Amino acid sequence: MADLGILVLRLGIGIMFVAHGLQKAFGLFAGPGIKVFSEMLSNLGFVPAPFWAYIAAYSELVGGLLLIIGFQARGAAAVLLILIVTAALKVHIAKGFFLSGGGFEYTFVIASACLALILLGPGKFKFPRG
């Protein structure tokens, strides 16, 4: 059952990151697209903003896909953990804990899931098997 639980965790977090990556990279699902996302990062002090926009968007997209299939899951989860902790520190932590006030509650849960995947690994339901 533990491997099934890890699979559920990988799929849930992986799908969430893929969706957010598609929003940032391509503007899908009412997302900002790379140009607007780059401007958002510039306003947060990231230099050069376009570089970091591509790094963040494609880290979410590729990292999420890797979690879904279970390939290099620990490494993908580590990259995604760094990404989500950065978001928490740059955007959310000053607003307190609760999501209702723009706080870091949501990023805290995602970071916890990424850390769990780093510790647990991909489980037996992965590609390639072995």
C-alpha atoms as a PDB file:
ATOM      1  CA  MET A   1       0.000   0.000   0.000  1.00  0.00           C
ATOM      2  CA  ALA A   2       2.911   2.384   0.640  1.00  0.00           C
ATOM      3  CA  ASP A   3       3.903   2.254  -3.038  1.00  0.00           C
ATOM      4  CA  LEU A   4       0.343   3.053  -4.049  1.00  0.00           C
ATOM      5  CA  GLY A   5       0.361   6.018  -1.659  1.00  0.00           C
ATOM      6  CA  ILE A   6       3.623   7.275  -3.177  1.00  0.00           C
ATOM      7  CA  LEU A   7       2.086   6.947  -6.654  1.00  0.00           C
ATOM      8  CA  VAL A   8      -0.938   9.019  -5.589  1.00  0.00           C
ATOM      9  CA  LEU A   9       1.384  11.667  -4.130  1.00  0.00           C
ATOM     10  CA  ARG A  10       3.569  11.718  -7.263  1.00  0.00           C
ATOM     11  CA  LEU A  11       0.568  11.998  -9.573  1.00  0.00           C
ATOM     12  CA  GLY A  12      -1.146  14.721  -7.549  1.00  0.00           C
ATOM     13  CA  ILE A  13       1.935  16.915  -7.177  1.00  0.00           C
ATOM     14  CA  GLY A  14       3.150  16.135 -10.701  1.00  0.00           C
ATOM     15  CA  ILE A  15      -0.156  17.065 -12.356  1.00  0.00           C
ATOM     16  CA  MET A  16      -0.331  20.275 -10.304  1.00  0.00           C
ATOM     17  CA  PHE A  17       3.182  21.316 -11.362  1.00  0.00           C
ATOM     18  CA  VAL A  18       2.564  20.435 -15.041  1.00  0.00           C
ATOM     19  CA  ALA A  19      -0.585  22.562 -15.023  1.00  0.00           C
ATOM     20  CA  HIS A  20       1.257  25.507 -13.456  1.00  0.00           C
ATOM     21  CA  GLY A  21       4.154  25.080 -15.883  1.00  0.00           C
ATOM     22  CA  LEU A  22       1.734  25.163 -18.827  1.00  0.00           C
ATOM     23  CA  GLN A  23       0.193  28.349 -17.434  1.00  0.00           C
ATOM     24  CA  LYS A  24       3.551  30.056 -17.111  1.00  0.00           C
ATOM     25  CA  ALA A  25       5.199  28.785 -20.298  1.00  0.00           C
ATOM     26  CA  PHE A  26       2.273  28.907 -22.730  1.00  0.00           C
ATOM     27  CA  GLY A  27      -0.547  30.848 -21.080  1.00  0.00           C
ATOM     28  CA  LEU A  28      -2.794  27.778 -20.954  1.00  0.00           C
ATOM     29  CA  PHE A  29      -5.540  27.411 -18.315  1.00  0.00           C
ATOM     30  CA  ALA A  30      -5.868  31.213 -17.998  1.00  0.00           C
ATOM     31  CA  GLY A  31      -2.175  31.510 -17.149  1.00  0.00           C
ATOM     32  CA  PRO A  32       0.036  34.520 -17.735  1.00  0.00           C
ATOM     33  CA  GLY A  33       2.329  33.090 -20.413  1.00  0.00           C
ATOM     34  CA  ILE A  34       6.084  33.514 -20.395  1.00  0.00           C
ATOM     35  CA  LYS A  35       6.145  37.263 -21.217  1.00  0.00           C
ATOM     36  CA  VAL A  36       3.808  38.310 -18.405  1.00  0.00           C
ATOM     37  CA  PHE A  37       5.389  35.801 -16.014  1.00  0.00           C
ATOM     38  CA  SER A  38       8.789  37.295 -16.829  1.00  0.00           C
ATOM     39  CA  GLU A  39       7.438  40.770 -16.006  1.00  0.00           C
ATOM     40  CA  MET A  40       6.093  39.436 -12.704  1.00  0.00           C
ATOM     41  CA  LEU A  41       9.538  38.056 -11.844  1.00  0.00           C
ATOM     42  CA  SER A  42      11.164  41.340 -12.817  1.00  0.00           C
ATOM     43  CA  ASN A  43       8.874  43.121 -10.356  1.00  0.00           C
ATOM     44  CA  LEU A  44      10.046  40.683  -7.680  1.00  0.00           C
ATOM     45  CA  GLY A  45      13.687  41.556  -8.379  1.00  0.00           C
ATOM     46  CA  PHE A  46      14.766  38.533 -10.424  1.00  0.00           C
ATOM     47  CA  VAL A  47      17.542  39.464 -12.871  1.00  0.00           C
ATOM     48  CA  PRO A  48      17.574  38.609 -15.715  1.00  0.00           C
ATOM     49  CA  ALA A  49      13.853  38.005 -15.434  1.00  0.00           C
ATOM     50  CA  PRO A  50      13.310  36.215 -18.797  1.00  0.00           C
ATOM     51  CA  PHE A  51      16.007  33.663 -17.914  1.00  0.00           C
ATOM     52  CA  TRP A  52      14.423  32.920 -14.539  1.00  0.00           C
ATOM     53  CA  ALA A  53      10.944  32.821 -16.078  1.00  0.00           C
ATOM     54  CA  TYR A  54      12.008  30.061 -18.468  1.00  0.00           C
ATOM     55  CA  ILE A  55      13.860  28.203 -15.701  1.00  0.00           C
ATOM     56  CA  ALA A  56      10.820  28.314 -13.392  1.00  0.00           C
ATOM     57  CA  ALA A  57       8.202  27.494 -16.047  1.00  0.00           C
ATOM     58  CA  TYR A  58      10.103  24.582 -17.545  1.00  0.00           C
ATOM     59  CA  SER A  59      11.226  23.284 -14.135  1.00  0.00           C
ATOM     60  CA  GLU A  60       7.555  23.011 -13.216  1.00  0.00           C
ATOM     61  CA  LEU A  61       6.615  21.461 -16.554  1.00  0.00           C
ATOM     62  CA  VAL A  62       9.468  18.951 -16.859  1.00  0.00           C
ATOM     63  CA  GLY A  63       9.731  18.300 -13.115  1.00  0.00           C
ATOM     64  CA  GLY A  64       6.016  17.576 -12.937  1.00  0.00           C
ATOM     65  CA  LEU A  65       6.237  15.167 -15.889  1.00  0.00           C
ATOM     66  CA  LEU A  66       9.172  13.377 -14.251  1.00  0.00           C
ATOM     67  CA  LEU A  67       7.173  12.983 -11.044  1.00  0.00           C
ATOM     68  CA  ILE A  68       4.201  11.598 -12.963  1.00  0.00           C
ATOM     69  CA  ILE A  69       6.277   8.867 -14.610  1.00  0.00           C
ATOM     70  CA  GLY A  70       8.533   8.363 -11.585  1.00  0.00           C
ATOM     71  CA  PHE A  71      11.786   8.894 -13.481  1.00  0.00           C
ATOM     72  CA  GLN A  72      14.444  10.765 -11.492  1.00  0.00           C
ATOM     73  CA  ALA A  73      11.671  11.545  -9.012  1.00  0.00           C
ATOM     74  CA  ARG A  74      13.976  12.509  -6.143  1.00  0.00           C
ATOM     75  CA  GLY A  75      15.920  14.975  -8.301  1.00  0.00           C
ATOM     76  CA  ALA A  76      12.735  16.424  -9.802  1.00  0.00           C
ATOM     77  CA  ALA A  77      11.208  16.805  -6.342  1.00  0.00           C
ATOM     78  CA  ALA A  78      14.385  18.562  -5.134  1.00  0.00           C
ATOM     79  CA  VAL A  79      14.266  21.095  -7.984  1.00  0.00           C
ATOM     80  CA  LEU A  80      10.562  21.666  -7.379  1.00  0.00           C
ATOM     81  CA  LEU A  81      11.182  22.062  -3.642  1.00  0.00           C
ATOM     82  CA  ILE A  82      13.714  24.821  -4.336  1.00  0.00           C
ATOM     83  CA  LEU A  83      11.249  26.484  -6.703  1.00  0.00           C
ATOM     84  CA  ILE A  84       8.325  26.417  -4.264  1.00  0.00           C
ATOM     85  CA  VAL A  85      10.433  27.560  -1.284  1.00  0.00           C
ATOM     86  CA  THR A  86      11.656  30.478  -3.408  1.00  0.00           C
ATOM     87  CA  ALA A  87       8.043  31.378  -4.228  1.00  0.00           C
ATOM     88  CA  ALA A  88       7.125  31.166  -0.550  1.00  0.00           C
ATOM     89  CA  LEU A  89      10.002  33.401   0.521  1.00  0.00           C
ATOM     90  CA  LYS A  90       9.696  35.993  -2.268  1.00  0.00           C
ATOM     91  CA  VAL A  91       5.893  36.276  -2.426  1.00  0.00           C
ATOM     92  CA  HIS A  92       3.997  34.662   0.420  1.00  0.00           C
ATOM     93  CA  ILE A  93       5.861  34.607   3.729  1.00  0.00           C
ATOM     94  CA  ALA A  94       5.412  38.332   4.427  1.00  0.00           C
ATOM     95  CA  LYS A  95       1.642  37.820   4.206  1.00  0.00           C
ATOM     96  CA  GLY A  96       1.495  35.316   7.060  1.00  0.00           C
ATOM     97  CA  PHE A  97       0.517  31.666   7.046  1.00  0.00           C
ATOM     98  CA  PHE A  98      -3.039  31.441   5.768  1.00  0.00           C
ATOM     99  CA  LEU A  99      -3.862  31.265   2.070  1.00  0.00           C
ATOM    100  CA  SER A 100      -6.906  33.499   2.547  1.00  0.00           C
ATOM    101  CA  GLY A 101      -4.515  36.399   3.192  1.00  0.00           C
ATOM    102  CA  GLY A 102      -2.049  35.448   0.470  1.00  0.00           C
ATOM    103  CA  GLY A 103       0.163  33.588   2.941  1.00  0.00           C
ATOM    104  CA  PHE A 104       2.433  30.598   2.525  1.00  0.00           C
ATOM    105  CA  GLU A 105      -0.013  27.860   3.570  1.00  0.00           C
ATOM    106  CA  TYR A 106      -0.337  26.395   0.026  1.00  0.00           C
ATOM    107  CA  THR A 107       3.385  26.549  -0.701  1.00  0.00           C
ATOM    108  CA  PHE A 108       4.056  24.923   2.685  1.00  0.00           C
ATOM    109  CA  VAL A 109       1.880  21.929   1.759  1.00  0.00           C
ATOM    110  CA  ILE A 110       3.532  21.603  -1.662  1.00  0.00           C
ATOM    111  CA  ALA A 111       7.013  21.879  -0.120  1.00  0.00           C
ATOM    112  CA  SER A 112       6.066  19.165   2.392  1.00  0.00           C
ATOM    113  CA  ALA A 113       4.931  16.878  -0.429  1.00  0.00           C
ATOM    114  CA  CYS A 114       8.153  17.502  -2.374  1.00  0.00           C
ATOM    115  CA  LEU A 115      10.233  16.752   0.711  1.00  0.00           C
ATOM    116  CA  ALA A 116       8.262  13.545   1.283  1.00  0.00           C
ATOM    117  CA  LEU A 117       8.989  12.465  -2.310  1.00  0.00           C
ATOM    118  CA  ILE A 118      12.696  13.206  -1.859  1.00  0.00           C
ATOM    119  CA  LEU A 119      12.727  10.998   1.255  1.00  0.00           C
ATOM    120  CA  LEU A 120      10.497   8.217  -0.120  1.00  0.00           C
ATOM    121  CA  GLY A 121      11.655   8.048  -3.718  1.00  0.00           C
ATOM    122  CA  PRO A 122       9.384   7.041  -6.595  1.00  0.00           C
ATOM    123  CA  GLY A 123       8.100   3.745  -5.193  1.00  0.00           C
ATOM    124  CA  LYS A 124       7.716   0.656  -7.349  1.00  0.00           C
ATOM    125  CA  PHE A 125       5.161   2.109  -9.797  1.00  0.00           C
ATOM    126  CA  LYS A 126       7.535   4.023 -12.041  1.00  0.00           C
ATOM    127  CA  PHE A 127       8.972   4.151 -15.540  1.00  0.00           C
ATOM    128  CA  PRO A 128      11.359   2.653 -16.320  1.00  0.00           C
ATOM    129  CA  ARG A 129      10.714  -0.244 -13.992  1.00  0.00           C
ATOM    130  CA  GLY A 130      13.629  -1.811 -12.209  1.00  0.00           C
END
